[in-house]
N, C-alpha and C. Protein backbone atom coordinates (compact mmCIF):
# COMPACT_ATOMS: atom_id res chain seq x y z
N MET A 1 -26.67 192.11 311.19
CA MET A 1 -27.95 192.14 310.51
C MET A 1 -27.88 191.23 309.28
N GLU A 2 -28.95 190.51 309.06
CA GLU A 2 -29.04 189.58 307.93
C GLU A 2 -29.18 190.35 306.61
N SER A 3 -28.51 189.88 305.58
CA SER A 3 -28.60 190.55 304.27
C SER A 3 -29.98 190.35 303.65
N SER A 4 -30.34 191.25 302.75
CA SER A 4 -31.63 191.15 302.05
C SER A 4 -31.74 189.83 301.30
N LYS A 5 -30.66 189.41 300.65
CA LYS A 5 -30.66 188.16 299.90
C LYS A 5 -30.94 186.97 300.82
N ALA A 6 -30.33 186.99 302.00
CA ALA A 6 -30.54 185.90 302.95
C ALA A 6 -31.99 185.87 303.43
N VAL A 7 -32.57 187.04 303.66
CA VAL A 7 -33.97 187.11 304.09
C VAL A 7 -34.88 186.55 303.01
N LEU A 8 -34.62 186.93 301.75
CA LEU A 8 -35.43 186.43 300.63
C LEU A 8 -35.33 184.91 300.53
N LYS A 9 -34.13 184.38 300.71
CA LYS A 9 -33.95 182.92 300.64
C LYS A 9 -34.68 182.22 301.78
N ARG A 10 -34.62 182.78 302.97
CA ARG A 10 -35.32 182.16 304.11
C ARG A 10 -36.83 182.23 303.93
N PHE A 11 -37.34 183.38 303.46
CA PHE A 11 -38.77 183.49 303.21
C PHE A 11 -39.20 182.49 302.14
N GLY A 12 -38.42 182.41 301.06
CA GLY A 12 -38.73 181.48 299.98
C GLY A 12 -38.76 180.03 300.45
N ALA A 13 -37.80 179.67 301.29
CA ALA A 13 -37.76 178.30 301.83
C ALA A 13 -38.98 178.04 302.70
N ASN A 14 -39.40 179.03 303.46
CA ASN A 14 -40.59 178.86 304.30
C ASN A 14 -41.85 178.75 303.45
N LEU A 15 -41.93 179.55 302.40
CA LEU A 15 -43.08 179.47 301.49
C LEU A 15 -43.16 178.06 300.89
N ARG A 16 -42.04 177.56 300.42
CA ARG A 16 -42.01 176.22 299.83
C ARG A 16 -42.43 175.15 300.85
N LYS A 17 -41.89 175.25 302.07
CA LYS A 17 -42.23 174.29 303.13
C LYS A 17 -43.73 174.30 303.40
N GLU A 18 -44.31 175.48 303.52
CA GLU A 18 -45.75 175.59 303.80
C GLU A 18 -46.59 175.10 302.62
N ARG A 19 -46.14 175.38 301.41
CA ARG A 19 -46.85 174.92 300.21
C ARG A 19 -46.86 173.40 300.14
N LEU A 20 -45.68 172.81 300.35
CA LEU A 20 -45.58 171.35 300.28
C LEU A 20 -46.33 170.67 301.43
N LYS A 21 -46.35 171.30 302.60
CA LYS A 21 -47.10 170.77 303.74
C LYS A 21 -48.58 170.63 303.39
N ARG A 22 -49.05 171.50 302.50
CA ARG A 22 -50.45 171.49 302.08
C ARG A 22 -50.66 170.71 300.78
N ASP A 23 -49.59 170.05 300.33
CA ASP A 23 -49.63 169.23 299.12
C ASP A 23 -50.10 170.03 297.91
N LEU A 24 -49.60 171.26 297.79
CA LEU A 24 -49.94 172.12 296.65
C LEU A 24 -48.76 172.22 295.70
N SER A 25 -49.03 172.16 294.41
CA SER A 25 -47.99 172.44 293.42
C SER A 25 -47.85 173.96 293.31
N GLN A 26 -46.76 174.39 292.70
CA GLN A 26 -46.60 175.82 292.44
C GLN A 26 -47.75 176.32 291.57
N GLU A 27 -48.12 175.52 290.60
CA GLU A 27 -49.22 175.87 289.69
C GLU A 27 -50.53 176.05 290.44
N ALA A 28 -50.85 175.13 291.34
CA ALA A 28 -52.10 175.21 292.10
C ALA A 28 -52.11 176.43 293.02
N LEU A 29 -50.99 176.67 293.69
CA LEU A 29 -50.91 177.84 294.57
C LEU A 29 -51.03 179.13 293.77
N ALA A 30 -50.34 179.19 292.65
CA ALA A 30 -50.40 180.38 291.81
C ALA A 30 -51.82 180.65 291.33
N SER A 31 -52.51 179.62 290.94
CA SER A 31 -53.89 179.76 290.48
C SER A 31 -54.79 180.28 291.60
N ARG A 32 -54.65 179.70 292.78
CA ARG A 32 -55.46 180.13 293.92
C ARG A 32 -55.17 181.58 294.32
N ALA A 33 -53.90 181.96 294.25
CA ALA A 33 -53.48 183.30 294.67
C ALA A 33 -53.58 184.33 293.54
N LYS A 34 -53.88 183.85 292.34
CA LYS A 34 -54.00 184.70 291.15
C LYS A 34 -52.70 185.45 290.83
N ILE A 35 -51.60 184.68 290.89
CA ILE A 35 -50.30 185.18 290.46
C ILE A 35 -49.64 184.10 289.62
N SER A 36 -48.55 184.41 288.95
CA SER A 36 -47.96 183.43 288.03
C SER A 36 -47.16 182.36 288.77
N ARG A 37 -47.14 181.16 288.19
CA ARG A 37 -46.36 180.06 288.74
C ARG A 37 -44.88 180.42 288.72
N ASN A 38 -44.45 181.10 287.66
CA ASN A 38 -43.06 181.50 287.54
C ASN A 38 -42.65 182.40 288.72
N PHE A 39 -43.53 183.32 289.09
CA PHE A 39 -43.25 184.21 290.21
C PHE A 39 -43.12 183.42 291.52
N ILE A 40 -44.01 182.46 291.73
CA ILE A 40 -43.93 181.62 292.94
C ILE A 40 -42.56 180.93 292.99
N GLY A 41 -42.13 180.36 291.87
CA GLY A 41 -40.84 179.68 291.81
C GLY A 41 -39.68 180.62 292.11
N MET A 42 -39.74 181.82 291.56
CA MET A 42 -38.67 182.79 291.79
C MET A 42 -38.62 183.22 293.26
N VAL A 43 -39.78 183.39 293.88
CA VAL A 43 -39.82 183.74 295.30
C VAL A 43 -39.26 182.59 296.14
N GLU A 44 -39.66 181.37 295.83
CA GLU A 44 -39.17 180.21 296.58
C GLU A 44 -37.65 180.05 296.48
N ARG A 45 -37.08 180.47 295.37
CA ARG A 45 -35.62 180.39 295.19
C ARG A 45 -34.91 181.61 295.76
N GLY A 46 -35.66 182.58 296.28
CA GLY A 46 -35.06 183.79 296.84
C GLY A 46 -34.62 184.79 295.80
N GLU A 47 -35.17 184.68 294.60
CA GLU A 47 -34.79 185.57 293.50
C GLU A 47 -35.66 186.81 293.39
N ARG A 48 -36.85 186.77 293.98
CA ARG A 48 -37.78 187.90 293.89
C ARG A 48 -38.35 188.20 295.26
N ASN A 49 -38.74 189.45 295.44
CA ASN A 49 -39.38 189.90 296.67
C ASN A 49 -40.88 189.99 296.44
N MET A 50 -41.67 189.74 297.46
CA MET A 50 -43.13 189.81 297.37
C MET A 50 -43.62 191.05 298.11
N THR A 51 -44.60 191.71 297.53
CA THR A 51 -45.26 192.80 298.25
C THR A 51 -46.12 192.20 299.35
N ILE A 52 -46.47 193.01 300.32
CA ILE A 52 -47.31 192.53 301.42
C ILE A 52 -48.67 192.08 300.91
N THR A 53 -49.18 192.71 299.85
CA THR A 53 -50.48 192.29 299.31
C THR A 53 -50.38 190.91 298.68
N LYS A 54 -49.25 190.61 298.04
CA LYS A 54 -49.06 189.27 297.47
C LYS A 54 -48.84 188.24 298.57
N VAL A 55 -48.11 188.62 299.61
CA VAL A 55 -47.94 187.71 300.75
C VAL A 55 -49.31 187.36 301.31
N ASP A 56 -50.17 188.36 301.44
CA ASP A 56 -51.52 188.14 301.96
C ASP A 56 -52.31 187.21 301.05
N SER A 57 -52.24 187.43 299.74
CA SER A 57 -52.96 186.57 298.78
C SER A 57 -52.48 185.13 298.84
N VAL A 58 -51.17 184.95 298.92
CA VAL A 58 -50.60 183.60 298.97
C VAL A 58 -50.98 182.92 300.29
N ALA A 59 -50.89 183.65 301.38
CA ALA A 59 -51.27 183.08 302.68
C ALA A 59 -52.73 182.66 302.68
N GLN A 60 -53.61 183.51 302.19
CA GLN A 60 -55.03 183.17 302.12
C GLN A 60 -55.26 181.96 301.23
N ALA A 61 -54.53 181.88 300.12
CA ALA A 61 -54.67 180.75 299.20
C ALA A 61 -54.28 179.43 299.86
N MET A 62 -53.40 179.52 300.88
CA MET A 62 -52.99 178.31 301.61
C MET A 62 -53.77 178.14 302.91
N GLY A 63 -54.73 179.03 303.16
CA GLY A 63 -55.54 178.92 304.37
C GLY A 63 -54.79 179.27 305.63
N MET A 64 -53.87 180.23 305.53
CA MET A 64 -53.09 180.61 306.70
C MET A 64 -53.03 182.12 306.85
N ASN A 65 -52.57 182.57 307.99
CA ASN A 65 -52.41 183.98 308.28
C ASN A 65 -51.11 184.48 307.67
N ARG A 66 -51.12 185.70 307.13
CA ARG A 66 -49.90 186.24 306.51
C ARG A 66 -48.74 186.31 307.49
N TRP A 67 -49.03 186.57 308.77
CA TRP A 67 -47.95 186.67 309.75
C TRP A 67 -47.30 185.31 309.99
N ASP A 68 -48.08 184.26 309.91
CA ASP A 68 -47.51 182.92 310.07
C ASP A 68 -46.61 182.57 308.89
N LEU A 69 -46.97 183.04 307.71
CA LEU A 69 -46.13 182.80 306.53
C LEU A 69 -44.80 183.55 306.65
N MET A 70 -44.83 184.70 307.30
CA MET A 70 -43.61 185.50 307.43
C MET A 70 -42.79 185.13 308.67
N ARG A 71 -43.26 184.17 309.44
CA ARG A 71 -42.52 183.72 310.62
C ARG A 71 -41.56 182.61 310.20
N PHE A 72 -40.31 182.95 310.05
CA PHE A 72 -39.31 181.97 309.61
C PHE A 72 -38.00 182.17 310.33
């Protein structure tokens, strides 16, 4: 079974990939999702975990389904 830290790092890498694919800065995504830019950076580095409600907000801010964001 994959460790929690490894899962966070993989999710963060996927979030970054999807954000960059949409040509969004961390600041722009944070503003759209109504969360802090610092939090986005910490999630992308695998340092913080996101609640499902924040995953949903971030996915909507990028115009995607939350399940697609969690597919990594």
